[in-house]
N, C-alpha and C. Protein backbone atom coordinates (compact mmCIF):
# COMPACT_ATOMS: atom_id res chain seq x y z
N UNK A 1 14.93 14.04 6.19
CA UNK A 1 13.93 13.74 6.77
C UNK A 1 12.60 14.06 5.74
N UNK A 2 11.78 13.15 5.55
CA UNK A 2 10.65 13.04 4.52
C UNK A 2 9.44 13.42 5.50
N UNK A 3 8.30 13.85 5.00
CA UNK A 3 7.00 14.17 5.36
C UNK A 3 6.27 12.70 4.81
N UNK A 4 6.10 11.86 5.92
CA UNK A 4 5.05 11.03 5.03
C UNK A 4 3.33 10.73 5.89
N UNK A 5 2.81 10.68 4.83
CA UNK A 5 1.37 10.24 4.90
C UNK A 5 0.69 9.10 4.95
N UNK A 6 0.42 8.26 6.15
CA UNK A 6 -0.12 6.83 5.84
C UNK A 6 -1.37 6.82 6.19
N UNK A 7 -2.02 6.57 4.82
CA UNK A 7 -3.90 6.93 5.13
C UNK A 7 -3.94 5.00 5.49
N UNK A 8 -4.66 4.69 6.52
CA UNK A 8 -4.86 3.35 6.98
C UNK A 8 -3.44 3.03 7.69
N UNK A 9 -3.24 4.12 8.61
CA UNK A 9 -1.90 3.58 9.19
C UNK A 9 -2.09 3.18 10.20
N UNK A 10 -3.29 2.24 10.94
CA UNK A 10 -3.47 1.79 12.33
C UNK A 10 -4.17 -0.08 11.43
N UNK A 11 -3.87 -0.19 10.48
CA UNK A 11 -4.02 -1.40 9.82
C UNK A 11 -2.51 -2.60 10.29
N UNK A 12 -2.81 -3.36 9.35
CA UNK A 12 -1.71 -4.35 9.41
C UNK A 12 -0.75 -3.56 8.44
N UNK A 13 -0.50 -3.54 7.43
CA UNK A 13 0.05 -2.85 6.75
C UNK A 13 0.63 -1.66 7.45
N UNK A 14 -0.34 -0.92 7.34
CA UNK A 14 -0.22 0.50 7.80
C UNK A 14 0.49 0.61 8.44
N UNK A 15 0.22 -0.12 10.03
CA UNK A 15 0.85 0.30 11.39
C UNK A 15 2.13 0.05 10.93
N UNK A 16 2.76 -1.42 10.20
CA UNK A 16 4.00 -1.52 10.17
C UNK A 16 4.94 -0.22 9.79
N UNK A 17 4.25 0.17 8.41
CA UNK A 17 5.00 1.45 7.73
C UNK A 17 4.95 2.43 8.32
N UNK A 18 3.96 2.90 8.94
CA UNK A 18 4.39 3.79 10.42
C UNK A 18 5.36 3.69 11.16
N UNK A 19 5.39 2.59 11.76
CA UNK A 19 6.41 2.28 12.79
C UNK A 19 7.90 2.24 11.81
N UNK A 20 8.10 1.77 11.05
CA UNK A 20 9.59 1.97 10.09
C UNK A 20 9.89 3.32 9.83
N UNK A 21 8.95 3.90 9.24
CA UNK A 21 9.14 5.22 8.59
C UNK A 21 9.66 6.34 10.09
N UNK A 22 8.86 6.05 11.38
CA UNK A 22 8.99 6.85 12.52
C UNK A 22 10.48 6.58 13.07
N UNK A 23 10.86 5.36 13.01
CA UNK A 23 12.17 4.69 13.34
C UNK A 23 13.21 5.11 12.57
N UNK A 24 13.01 5.28 11.52
CA UNK A 24 14.20 5.76 10.67
C UNK A 24 14.03 7.43 10.48
N UNK A 25 13.33 8.42 11.58
CA UNK A 25 13.33 9.67 11.40
C UNK A 25 12.50 10.14 10.75
N UNK A 26 11.57 9.71 10.11
CA UNK A 26 10.53 10.52 9.19
C UNK A 26 9.55 11.57 9.92
N UNK A 27 9.16 12.14 9.47
CA UNK A 27 7.93 12.85 10.07
C UNK A 27 6.85 12.19 9.33
N UNK A 28 5.98 11.56 10.46
CA UNK A 28 4.66 10.33 9.82
C UNK A 28 3.15 10.49 10.29
N UNK A 29 2.34 10.77 9.50
CA UNK A 29 1.35 11.06 10.29
C UNK A 29 0.56 9.90 9.53
N UNK A 30 -0.39 9.54 10.60
CA UNK A 30 -1.30 8.12 10.44
C UNK A 30 -3.15 8.83 10.14
N UNK A 31 -3.48 8.46 9.45
CA UNK A 31 -5.03 8.87 9.30
C UNK A 31 -5.70 7.50 9.43
N UNK A 32 -6.78 7.54 10.03
CA UNK A 32 -7.59 6.09 10.01
C UNK A 32 -8.63 6.53 10.82
N UNK A 33 -9.48 5.69 11.30
CA UNK A 33 -11.07 6.02 12.52
C UNK A 33 -10.73 6.06 13.44
N UNK A 34 -9.63 5.67 13.57
CA UNK A 34 -9.41 5.61 15.37
C UNK A 34 -7.86 5.61 15.60
N UNK A 35 -7.96 5.85 16.97
CA UNK A 35 -6.09 5.94 17.46
C UNK A 35 -5.69 4.75 17.91
N UNK A 36 -4.63 4.06 17.71
CA UNK A 36 -4.41 2.69 18.14
C UNK A 36 -3.74 2.78 20.01
N UNK A 37 -4.18 1.56 20.75
CA UNK A 37 -3.98 1.63 21.90
C UNK A 37 -2.19 1.81 22.07
N UNK A 38 -1.46 1.24 21.41
CA UNK A 38 -0.01 1.51 21.69
C UNK A 38 0.19 2.64 20.35
N UNK A 39 0.49 4.20 20.55
CA UNK A 39 0.89 4.56 19.66
C UNK A 39 2.57 4.74 19.52
N UNK A 40 2.85 4.86 18.34
CA UNK A 40 4.25 4.64 17.72
C UNK A 40 4.85 6.21 18.04
N UNK A 41 5.87 6.60 19.09
CA UNK A 41 6.15 7.97 19.54
C UNK A 41 6.63 8.63 18.18
N UNK A 42 6.34 9.76 18.38
CA UNK A 42 6.71 11.26 17.31
C UNK A 42 5.69 10.85 16.20
N UNK A 43 5.14 9.88 16.10
CA UNK A 43 3.61 10.00 15.01
C UNK A 43 2.29 10.90 15.34
N UNK A 44 2.30 11.72 14.20
CA UNK A 44 0.77 12.38 14.50
C UNK A 44 -0.29 11.64 14.18
N UNK A 45 -1.41 11.50 14.86
CA UNK A 45 -2.41 10.04 14.41
C UNK A 45 -3.62 11.16 14.07
N UNK A 46 -3.99 11.21 13.10
CA UNK A 46 -5.49 12.21 12.73
C UNK A 46 -6.34 11.04 12.47
N UNK A 47 -7.60 11.29 13.05
CA UNK A 47 -8.68 10.45 12.83
C UNK A 47 -9.91 11.51 12.25
N UNK A 48 -10.51 10.40 11.45
CA UNK A 48 -11.45 10.71 10.50
C UNK A 48 -12.11 9.78 9.34
N UNK A 49 -12.79 9.73 8.73
CA UNK A 49 -13.13 8.91 7.80
C UNK A 49 -12.52 9.36 5.94
N UNK A 50 -11.81 8.71 5.54
CA UNK A 50 -11.08 9.02 4.19
C UNK A 50 -12.04 9.46 3.05
N UNK A 51 -13.38 9.07 3.66
CA UNK A 51 -14.31 9.10 2.57
C UNK A 51 -14.67 10.98 3.06
N UNK A 52 -14.38 11.36 3.83
CA UNK A 52 -14.43 12.95 4.02
C UNK A 52 -13.34 13.71 3.34
N UNK A 53 -13.85 14.63 2.46
CA UNK A 53 -12.97 15.54 1.43
C UNK A 53 -12.23 16.37 2.26
N UNK A 54 -12.25 16.79 3.47
CA UNK A 54 -11.51 17.60 4.25
C UNK A 54 -10.88 16.68 4.97
N UNK A 55 -11.01 15.79 5.38
CA UNK A 55 -9.81 14.61 6.26
C UNK A 55 -9.05 14.53 4.94
N UNK A 56 -9.13 14.18 3.82
CA UNK A 56 -7.78 13.73 2.70
C UNK A 56 -7.54 15.01 2.50
N UNK A 57 -7.81 15.91 2.34
CA UNK A 57 -7.13 17.38 1.97
C UNK A 57 -6.06 17.69 3.04
N UNK A 58 -6.64 17.60 4.31
CA UNK A 58 -5.69 17.97 5.45
C UNK A 58 -4.30 17.04 5.56
N UNK A 59 -4.87 15.43 5.35
CA UNK A 59 -3.82 14.87 5.53
C UNK A 59 -2.50 14.84 4.25
N UNK A 60 -3.43 15.20 3.18
CA UNK A 60 -1.96 15.13 1.84
C UNK A 60 -1.38 16.56 2.03
N UNK A 61 -1.98 17.50 2.28
CA UNK A 61 -0.99 18.96 2.14
C UNK A 61 0.25 18.88 3.29
N UNK A 62 0.91 19.42 2.48
CA UNK A 62 2.30 19.38 3.30
C UNK A 62 3.08 17.74 3.16
N UNK A 63 2.39 16.88 2.35
CA UNK A 63 2.84 15.26 2.46
C UNK A 63 4.04 15.55 1.38
N UNK A 64 5.40 14.98 1.49
CA UNK A 64 6.15 14.55 0.45
C UNK A 64 5.51 13.06 0.08
N UNK A 65 5.26 12.11 0.54
CA UNK A 65 5.17 10.79 0.10
C UNK A 65 3.58 10.55 0.49
N UNK A 66 2.70 10.12 0.16
CA UNK A 66 1.13 9.55 0.77
C UNK A 66 1.26 8.31 0.25
N UNK A 67 1.47 7.34 1.12
CA UNK A 67 1.02 5.88 1.28
C UNK A 67 -0.80 5.63 2.02
N UNK A 68 -1.18 4.97 0.67
CA UNK A 68 -2.31 4.21 1.34
C UNK A 68 -2.48 3.04 1.12
N UNK A 69 -2.83 2.68 2.20
CA UNK A 69 -2.69 1.02 2.72
C UNK A 69 -4.25 0.64 3.31
N UNK A 70 -5.20 1.43 2.32
CA UNK A 70 -6.39 0.83 2.91
C UNK A 70 -6.90 -0.55 2.19
N UNK A 71 -7.85 -0.82 3.17
CA UNK A 71 -8.70 -2.20 2.31
C UNK A 71 -10.17 -1.81 1.78
N UNK A 72 -10.72 -2.31 1.10
CA UNK A 72 -11.84 -2.56 0.89
C UNK A 72 -13.06 -3.23 1.77
N UNK A 73 -12.86 -2.63 2.78
CA UNK A 73 -13.71 -3.39 4.11
C UNK A 73 -14.41 -2.48 4.76
N UNK A 74 -15.35 -2.78 5.61
CA UNK A 74 -16.06 -1.80 6.37
C UNK A 74 -16.76 -0.50 5.11
N UNK A 75 -16.51 0.77 5.75
CA UNK A 75 -17.27 1.74 4.75
C UNK A 75 -16.28 1.77 3.57
N UNK A 76 -15.39 1.21 3.08
CA UNK A 76 -14.60 1.07 2.01
C UNK A 76 -15.16 0.34 1.41
N UNK A 77 -15.64 -0.99 1.84
CA UNK A 77 -16.15 -1.75 0.65
C UNK A 77 -17.34 -1.09 -0.07
N UNK A 78 -16.46 -1.28 -1.48
CA UNK A 78 -17.07 -0.67 -2.79
C UNK A 78 -16.86 0.67 -2.99
N UNK A 79 -16.20 1.58 -1.86
CA UNK A 79 -15.94 3.11 -2.08
C UNK A 79 -14.25 2.97 -2.23
N UNK A 80 -13.57 1.77 -2.67
CA UNK A 80 -12.25 2.08 -2.14
C UNK A 80 -11.57 2.56 -3.36
N UNK A 81 -12.07 2.45 -4.79
CA UNK A 81 -11.88 2.72 -6.01
C UNK A 81 -11.74 4.66 -5.88
N UNK A 82 -12.90 4.70 -5.34
CA UNK A 82 -13.09 6.30 -5.63
C UNK A 82 -12.11 6.85 -4.52
N UNK A 83 -11.96 6.05 -3.24
CA UNK A 83 -11.05 6.89 -2.46
C UNK A 83 -9.42 7.04 -2.68
N UNK A 84 -9.05 6.14 -3.20
CA UNK A 84 -7.93 6.21 -3.80
C UNK A 84 -7.91 6.89 -5.18
N UNK A 85 -8.71 7.28 -5.67
CA UNK A 85 -8.70 8.02 -6.79
C UNK A 85 -8.50 9.53 -6.48
N UNK A 86 -9.33 9.80 -5.24
CA UNK A 86 -8.93 10.86 -5.07
C UNK A 86 -8.13 11.51 -4.19
N UNK A 87 -7.23 10.41 -3.23
CA UNK A 87 -6.23 10.81 -2.89
C UNK A 87 -5.07 10.87 -3.91
N UNK A 88 -4.95 9.93 -5.03
CA UNK A 88 -4.25 10.52 -6.24
C UNK A 88 -4.30 11.77 -6.51
N UNK A 89 -5.67 12.04 -6.80
CA UNK A 89 -5.79 13.41 -7.47
C UNK A 89 -5.01 14.62 -6.56
N UNK A 90 -5.78 14.38 -5.27
CA UNK A 90 -4.57 15.52 -4.13
C UNK A 90 -3.06 15.44 -4.27
N UNK A 91 -2.66 14.02 -4.28
CA UNK A 91 -1.16 13.51 -4.39
C UNK A 91 -0.49 14.26 -5.36
N UNK A 92 -1.12 14.62 -6.45
CA UNK A 92 -0.33 15.08 -8.00
C UNK A 92 -0.66 16.49 -7.68
N UNK A 93 -1.66 17.14 -7.38
CA UNK A 93 -1.88 18.82 -7.14
C UNK A 93 -0.63 18.90 -6.29
N UNK A 94 -0.62 18.42 -5.48
CA UNK A 94 0.54 18.86 -3.98
C UNK A 94 1.71 18.35 -4.58
N UNK A 95 2.35 17.77 -5.77
CA UNK A 95 3.39 17.17 -5.98
C UNK A 95 3.97 16.24 -5.34
N UNK A 96 2.96 15.13 -4.59
CA UNK A 96 3.53 14.40 -3.61
C UNK A 96 4.06 13.02 -4.41
N UNK A 97 4.56 11.88 -4.24
CA UNK A 97 4.43 10.72 -4.55
C UNK A 97 3.49 9.86 -3.87
N UNK A 98 3.06 9.10 -4.52
CA UNK A 98 2.20 8.07 -4.04
C UNK A 98 2.75 6.39 -4.17
N UNK A 99 2.32 5.86 -2.69
CA UNK A 99 2.88 4.30 -3.09
C UNK A 99 1.15 4.04 -2.23
N UNK A 100 1.09 2.86 -3.11
CA UNK A 100 -0.47 2.12 -2.76
C UNK A 100 -0.40 0.71 -2.70
N UNK A 101 -0.82 0.56 -1.24
CA UNK A 101 -0.42 -1.04 -1.18
C UNK A 101 -1.75 -1.76 -1.61
N UNK A 102 -1.46 -2.80 -2.52
CA UNK A 102 -2.59 -3.11 -3.17
C UNK A 102 -2.72 -5.01 -2.65
N UNK A 103 -2.96 -5.89 -3.46
CA UNK A 103 -3.44 -6.87 -3.71
C UNK A 103 -1.94 -8.33 -4.32
N UNK A 104 -2.01 -9.49 -3.97
CA UNK A 104 -1.48 -10.19 -4.58
C UNK A 104 -2.23 -10.78 -5.89
N UNK A 105 -3.54 -10.73 -6.04
CA UNK A 105 -3.86 -11.24 -6.97
C UNK A 105 -3.82 -9.93 -8.33
N UNK A 106 -3.19 -8.96 -8.26
CA UNK A 106 -3.43 -8.21 -9.42
C UNK A 106 -2.07 -8.58 -10.10
N UNK A 107 -1.21 -10.02 -9.30
CA UNK A 107 0.10 -10.06 -9.96
C UNK A 107 -0.06 -11.25 -11.03
N UNK A 108 0.72 -11.37 -11.65
CA UNK A 108 0.80 -12.47 -13.13
C UNK A 108 1.88 -13.82 -12.50
N UNK A 109 1.09 -14.92 -12.36
CA UNK A 109 1.64 -15.91 -11.48
C UNK A 109 3.26 -16.63 -12.56
N UNK A 110 3.35 -16.16 -13.90
CA UNK A 110 4.24 -16.13 -14.86
C UNK A 110 4.39 -14.98 -15.81
N UNK A 111 5.74 -14.65 -16.46
CA UNK A 111 5.50 -13.53 -17.43
C UNK A 111 4.54 -14.11 -18.76
N UNK A 112 4.09 -12.97 -19.41
CA UNK A 112 3.38 -13.16 -20.31
C UNK A 112 1.58 -14.00 -19.63
N UNK A 113 1.78 -14.35 -18.63
CA UNK A 113 0.27 -14.81 -18.02
C UNK A 113 -0.83 -13.52 -17.82
N UNK A 114 -1.98 -13.73 -17.92
CA UNK A 114 -2.80 -12.83 -17.31
C UNK A 114 -2.47 -12.33 -15.75
N UNK A 115 -2.94 -11.39 -15.48
CA UNK A 115 -3.11 -10.82 -13.84
C UNK A 115 -3.98 -11.89 -13.30
N UNK A 116 -3.76 -12.53 -12.10
CA UNK A 116 -4.79 -13.37 -11.78
C UNK A 116 -6.12 -12.64 -11.60
N UNK A 117 -6.40 -11.02 -11.15
CA UNK A 117 -7.75 -10.63 -11.44
C UNK A 117 -8.25 -10.65 -12.53
N UNK A 118 -7.60 -10.84 -13.82
CA UNK A 118 -8.31 -10.72 -14.97
C UNK A 118 -8.68 -12.13 -15.41
N UNK A 119 -8.43 -13.18 -14.60
CA UNK A 119 -8.69 -14.63 -15.47
C UNK A 119 -10.25 -14.92 -14.86
N UNK A 120 -10.92 -14.14 -13.76
CA UNK A 120 -11.94 -15.05 -13.69
C UNK A 120 -12.22 -16.07 -12.69
N UNK A 121 -11.18 -16.20 -12.24
CA UNK A 121 -11.05 -17.58 -11.35
C UNK A 121 -10.45 -17.29 -10.11
N UNK A 122 -10.77 -16.01 -9.34
CA UNK A 122 -10.28 -15.93 -8.04
C UNK A 122 -11.48 -16.52 -7.38
N UNK A 123 -11.00 -17.40 -5.87
CA UNK A 123 -11.87 -18.19 -4.91
C UNK A 123 -12.58 -17.06 -4.64
N UNK A 124 -13.90 -17.21 -4.46
CA UNK A 124 -14.91 -16.43 -4.12
C UNK A 124 -14.71 -15.86 -2.83
N UNK A 125 -14.15 -16.39 -1.72
CA UNK A 125 -13.89 -15.88 -0.27
C UNK A 125 -13.38 -14.97 -0.40
N UNK A 126 -12.34 -14.35 -1.47
CA UNK A 126 -11.83 -13.00 -1.44
C UNK A 126 -12.02 -12.35 -2.74
N UNK A 127 -12.59 -13.07 -3.62
CA UNK A 127 -12.13 -12.10 -4.98
C UNK A 127 -13.40 -10.81 -4.83
N UNK A 128 -14.26 -10.35 -4.09
CA UNK A 128 -14.46 -9.10 -4.01
C UNK A 128 -13.64 -8.17 -3.68
N UNK A 129 -12.62 -8.28 -2.44
CA UNK A 129 -11.61 -7.22 -2.37
C UNK A 129 -10.84 -7.15 -3.16
N UNK A 130 -10.24 -8.23 -3.59
CA UNK A 130 -9.17 -8.51 -4.39
C UNK A 130 -9.63 -8.04 -6.00
N UNK A 131 -10.60 -7.91 -6.41
CA UNK A 131 -11.23 -7.04 -7.71
C UNK A 131 -11.09 -5.78 -7.23
N UNK A 132 -11.46 -5.07 -6.38
CA UNK A 132 -11.39 -3.76 -5.88
C UNK A 132 -10.14 -3.14 -5.81
N UNK A 133 -9.56 -3.62 -5.16
CA UNK A 133 -7.84 -3.30 -5.07
C UNK A 133 -7.15 -3.56 -6.85
N UNK A 134 -7.79 -4.43 -7.22
CA UNK A 134 -7.35 -4.30 -8.69
C UNK A 134 -7.85 -3.15 -9.62
N UNK A 135 -9.00 -2.95 -9.17
CA UNK A 135 -9.33 -1.59 -10.23
C UNK A 135 -8.31 -0.29 -9.59
N UNK A 136 -8.06 -0.15 -8.67
CA UNK A 136 -7.08 0.60 -8.25
C UNK A 136 -5.83 0.78 -9.20
N UNK A 137 -5.62 -0.45 -9.14
CA UNK A 137 -4.28 -0.40 -10.33
C UNK A 137 -4.21 -0.05 -11.45
N UNK A 138 -5.27 -0.78 -11.98
CA UNK A 138 -5.87 -0.17 -13.61
C UNK A 138 -6.23 1.32 -13.68
N UNK A 139 -6.71 1.76 -12.78
CA UNK A 139 -6.82 3.51 -13.33
C UNK A 139 -5.41 4.01 -12.78
N UNK A 140 -4.48 3.12 -11.97
CA UNK A 140 -3.21 4.16 -11.71
C UNK A 140 -2.36 3.62 -13.28
N UNK A 141 -2.76 2.61 -13.97
CA UNK A 141 -1.87 2.09 -15.06
C UNK A 141 -2.66 3.12 -16.08
N UNK A 142 -3.78 3.54 -16.02
CA UNK A 142 -4.45 4.64 -16.96
C UNK A 142 -3.71 5.98 -17.07
N UNK A 143 -3.84 6.47 -15.37
CA UNK A 143 -3.66 7.67 -15.51
C UNK A 143 -2.58 8.49 -15.85
N UNK A 144 -2.71 9.62 -16.69
CA UNK A 144 -1.59 10.11 -17.29
C UNK A 144 -0.71 10.72 -16.71
N UNK A 145 0.24 11.21 -17.13
CA UNK A 145 1.72 12.05 -16.50
C UNK A 145 1.21 13.04 -15.61
N UNK A 146 1.73 13.10 -14.44
CA UNK A 146 1.65 14.05 -13.33
C UNK A 146 1.53 13.66 -12.17
N UNK A 147 1.55 12.22 -12.07
CA UNK A 147 1.22 11.72 -10.89
C UNK A 147 2.66 10.48 -10.61
N UNK A 148 3.69 10.69 -9.55
CA UNK A 148 4.57 9.78 -9.37
C UNK A 148 3.93 8.62 -8.52
N UNK A 149 3.71 7.31 -8.66
CA UNK A 149 2.83 6.59 -8.08
C UNK A 149 3.94 5.00 -8.26
N UNK A 150 3.47 4.27 -7.28
CA UNK A 150 4.21 2.96 -7.30
C UNK A 150 2.98 1.99 -6.41
N UNK A 151 2.69 0.95 -7.35
CA UNK A 151 1.60 0.30 -6.36
C UNK A 151 2.40 -1.06 -5.80
N UNK A 152 2.03 -1.51 -4.75
CA UNK A 152 3.05 -2.70 -4.58
C UNK A 152 2.12 -3.94 -3.88
N UNK A 153 2.05 -4.97 -4.36
CA UNK A 153 1.55 -6.40 -4.40
C UNK A 153 2.73 -7.04 -3.28
N UNK A 154 2.01 -7.37 -2.01
CA UNK A 154 2.64 -8.21 -1.00
C UNK A 154 2.87 -9.33 -1.52
N UNK A 155 3.48 -10.58 -0.74
CA UNK A 155 3.13 -12.07 -1.10
C UNK A 155 2.31 -12.54 -0.85
N UNK A 156 1.99 -13.95 -1.39
CA UNK A 156 0.63 -14.16 -1.31
C UNK A 156 -0.09 -14.38 0.71
N UNK A 157 1.07 -14.98 1.44
CA UNK A 157 1.11 -14.93 2.46
C UNK A 157 1.48 -13.81 3.25
N UNK A 158 0.69 -12.91 3.25
CA UNK A 158 1.24 -11.54 4.02
C UNK A 158 -0.60 -11.02 4.82
N UNK A 159 -0.07 -10.99 5.91
CA UNK A 159 -1.36 -10.46 7.20
C UNK A 159 -1.21 -10.90 8.35
N UNK A 160 -2.12 -10.40 9.33
CA UNK A 160 -2.00 -10.89 10.51
C UNK A 160 -2.37 -11.93 11.02
N UNK A 161 -2.95 -12.93 9.72
CA UNK A 161 -2.86 -14.29 10.03
C UNK A 161 -1.60 -14.98 9.78
N UNK A 162 -0.60 -14.08 9.22
CA UNK A 162 0.66 -14.93 8.91
C UNK A 162 2.09 -13.83 9.06
N UNK A 163 2.14 -13.24 10.30
CA UNK A 163 2.61 -12.35 10.73
C UNK A 163 4.38 -12.44 10.26
N UNK A 164 4.72 -13.81 10.81
CA UNK A 164 5.94 -13.92 10.21
C UNK A 164 7.29 -13.30 10.94
N UNK A 165 8.14 -13.47 10.56
CA UNK A 165 9.29 -12.68 11.72
C UNK A 165 10.04 -11.51 10.81
N UNK A 166 10.51 -10.59 11.27
CA UNK A 166 11.19 -9.68 11.04
C UNK A 166 12.60 -9.89 10.58
N UNK A 167 12.83 -10.41 9.43
CA UNK A 167 14.39 -11.08 8.88
C UNK A 167 15.42 -9.77 8.39
N UNK A 168 14.60 -8.70 8.19
CA UNK A 168 15.49 -7.86 7.80
C UNK A 168 15.83 -7.67 6.07
N UNK A 169 15.50 -8.50 5.40
CA UNK A 169 15.76 -8.87 3.73
C UNK A 169 14.35 -8.95 3.27
N UNK A 170 14.44 -8.85 1.92
CA UNK A 170 13.19 -9.04 0.99
C UNK A 170 13.85 -9.09 -0.36
N UNK A 171 12.97 -9.33 -1.37
CA UNK A 171 13.21 -9.38 -2.71
C UNK A 171 12.06 -8.03 -3.43
N UNK A 172 12.31 -7.79 -4.45
CA UNK A 172 11.65 -7.16 -5.10
C UNK A 172 11.37 -7.29 -6.91
N UNK A 173 9.96 -7.32 -6.98
CA UNK A 173 9.92 -8.21 -8.41
C UNK A 173 8.99 -7.08 -9.37
N UNK A 174 8.76 -7.60 -10.49
CA UNK A 174 7.75 -6.56 -11.11
C UNK A 174 6.45 -6.87 -10.92
N UNK A 175 5.93 -7.30 -12.02
CA UNK A 175 4.31 -7.87 -11.81
C UNK A 175 3.96 -8.83 -11.88
N UNK A 176 5.04 -9.88 -11.93
CA UNK A 176 4.92 -11.19 -11.92
C UNK A 176 5.52 -11.63 -10.42
N UNK A 177 4.63 -12.43 -9.84
CA UNK A 177 4.83 -12.54 -8.64
C UNK A 177 6.63 -13.73 -8.26
N UNK A 178 7.07 -13.16 -7.11
CA UNK A 178 8.09 -13.58 -6.84
C UNK A 178 8.09 -14.79 -5.51
N UNK A 179 8.81 -15.81 -6.09
CA UNK A 179 8.63 -17.09 -4.88
C UNK A 179 10.07 -17.35 -4.53
N UNK A 180 10.49 -17.63 -3.28
CA UNK A 180 11.46 -18.79 -2.98
C UNK A 180 11.98 -19.68 -3.94
N UNK A 181 12.92 -20.21 -3.20
CA UNK A 181 13.53 -21.58 -3.81
C UNK A 181 12.33 -22.54 -3.36
N UNK A 182 11.60 -22.54 -2.28
CA UNK A 182 10.66 -24.11 -2.31
C UNK A 182 9.48 -23.50 -2.54
N UNK A 183 9.55 -22.45 -3.47
CA UNK A 183 7.92 -22.16 -4.13
C UNK A 183 6.97 -21.21 -3.26
N UNK A 184 7.85 -20.89 -2.17
CA UNK A 184 7.01 -20.33 -1.21
C UNK A 184 6.76 -18.67 -2.11
N UNK A 185 5.60 -18.24 -1.15
CA UNK A 185 5.39 -16.87 -1.47
C UNK A 185 4.74 -16.04 -0.29
N UNK A 186 5.80 -15.17 0.54
CA UNK A 186 5.72 -14.98 1.83
C UNK A 186 6.34 -13.52 2.32
N UNK A 187 5.62 -12.77 2.85
CA UNK A 187 6.62 -11.76 3.56
C UNK A 187 6.21 -11.20 4.79
N UNK A 188 6.65 -11.29 5.66
CA UNK A 188 6.36 -10.63 7.12
C UNK A 188 5.96 -8.95 7.09
N UNK A 189 5.04 -8.60 7.85
CA UNK A 189 4.79 -7.01 8.34
C UNK A 189 5.91 -6.32 8.31
N UNK A 190 6.98 -6.78 9.03
CA UNK A 190 7.55 -5.83 9.20
C UNK A 190 8.83 -5.48 8.02
N UNK A 191 8.91 -6.82 7.32
CA UNK A 191 9.84 -6.73 5.90
C UNK A 191 9.15 -5.96 5.02
N UNK A 192 7.75 -6.35 4.84
CA UNK A 192 7.14 -5.14 3.73
C UNK A 192 7.10 -3.75 4.18
N UNK A 193 7.10 -3.55 5.41
CA UNK A 193 7.32 -2.44 5.69
C UNK A 193 8.39 -1.87 5.26
N UNK A 194 10.03 -2.86 5.78
CA UNK A 194 11.26 -2.43 5.09
C UNK A 194 11.12 -1.69 3.54
N UNK A 195 10.65 -2.69 2.76
CA UNK A 195 10.55 -2.32 1.57
C UNK A 195 9.84 -1.34 1.27
N UNK A 196 8.55 -0.95 1.62
CA UNK A 196 7.98 0.13 1.37
C UNK A 196 8.96 1.60 1.67
N UNK A 197 9.29 1.61 3.20
CA UNK A 197 10.23 3.04 3.32
C UNK A 197 11.21 3.01 2.56
N UNK A 198 11.87 1.76 2.30
CA UNK A 198 13.31 1.69 1.37
C UNK A 198 12.80 2.65 -0.35
N UNK A 199 11.27 2.24 -0.80
CA UNK A 199 11.37 2.84 -1.42
C UNK A 199 11.01 4.28 -1.77
N UNK A 200 10.52 4.54 -0.10
CA UNK A 200 10.08 6.07 -0.21
C UNK A 200 11.75 6.66 -0.08
N UNK A 201 12.56 6.24 0.37
CA UNK A 201 13.90 6.97 0.53
C UNK A 201 14.67 7.05 -0.82
N UNK A 202 14.68 5.88 -1.33
CA UNK A 202 15.33 5.83 -2.80
C UNK A 202 14.31 5.31 -3.80
N UNK A 203 13.56 6.53 -4.49
CA UNK A 203 12.45 5.99 -5.14
C UNK A 203 13.42 4.93 -6.60
N UNK A 204 12.84 4.02 -6.71
CA UNK A 204 13.26 2.99 -8.10
C UNK A 204 12.09 2.42 -8.49
N UNK A 205 10.88 2.55 -8.43
CA UNK A 205 9.92 2.08 -9.21
C UNK A 205 8.74 3.07 -9.62
N UNK A 206 9.01 4.17 -9.98
CA UNK A 206 7.93 5.34 -10.19
C UNK A 206 7.09 4.66 -11.21
N UNK A 207 5.85 4.80 -11.31
CA UNK A 207 4.50 4.60 -12.04
C UNK A 207 5.03 2.97 -12.58
N UNK A 208 5.03 2.19 -11.71
CA UNK A 208 5.06 0.62 -11.68
C UNK A 208 4.52 -0.02 -10.82
N UNK A 209 4.28 -1.17 -11.27
CA UNK A 209 3.48 -2.32 -10.21
C UNK A 209 4.69 -3.06 -9.91
N UNK A 210 4.75 -3.34 -8.68
CA UNK A 210 6.01 -3.98 -8.11
C UNK A 210 5.36 -5.24 -6.99
N UNK A 211 6.07 -6.26 -6.76
CA UNK A 211 5.54 -7.03 -5.73
C UNK A 211 7.00 -7.37 -4.72
N UNK A 212 6.55 -7.39 -3.47
CA UNK A 212 7.79 -7.90 -2.64
C UNK A 212 7.36 -9.20 -1.77
N UNK A 213 8.37 -9.83 -1.69
CA UNK A 213 8.53 -11.27 -0.94
C UNK A 213 9.61 -11.82 -0.61
N UNK A 214 9.54 -12.92 0.01
CA UNK A 214 11.73 -13.59 0.49
C UNK A 214 11.96 -14.11 -0.93
């Protein structure tokens, strides 16, 4: 059994990760600003702002693995880089692994290409969020040894607007986007969570940027 803390544990990705980790018998703590209407049995729900140092410290203390599935929305818009930086520092101090749920725009579309977020050509409707999450990745890439981290980008079609089905399978790629035989890039919330918890249980991508898709 692994002690897992999930920041943003009531969001789309976070709630799926919480449910999958609890289903496998891990000791799970969800940290978010509110408690969900439907709680997962056995999960400890902590409420508070991730911008509060005391909330962060309590959540990370005792954890074996810390998952940040935060999004740069609401109070975290413009604050996500600092929040994840502080979480990373706490994880390093406590000897915990860090898994960060990132975005598709941090990926390269083909080997040797620029990361999409570095091209200056992101659609304006989601560029602000994408660039903030990309900044989190860049900080991790520059972070010195001492923190075991993995930054996981989901497929292009991922989110509450495209929930998909739980197929019980997925593929993992590096920082080049994974597509299926039809040229689609998609993953359901359940199967993304499956990949995250598999990485927690069997670490295979320490200090790496990876992506998950069908």
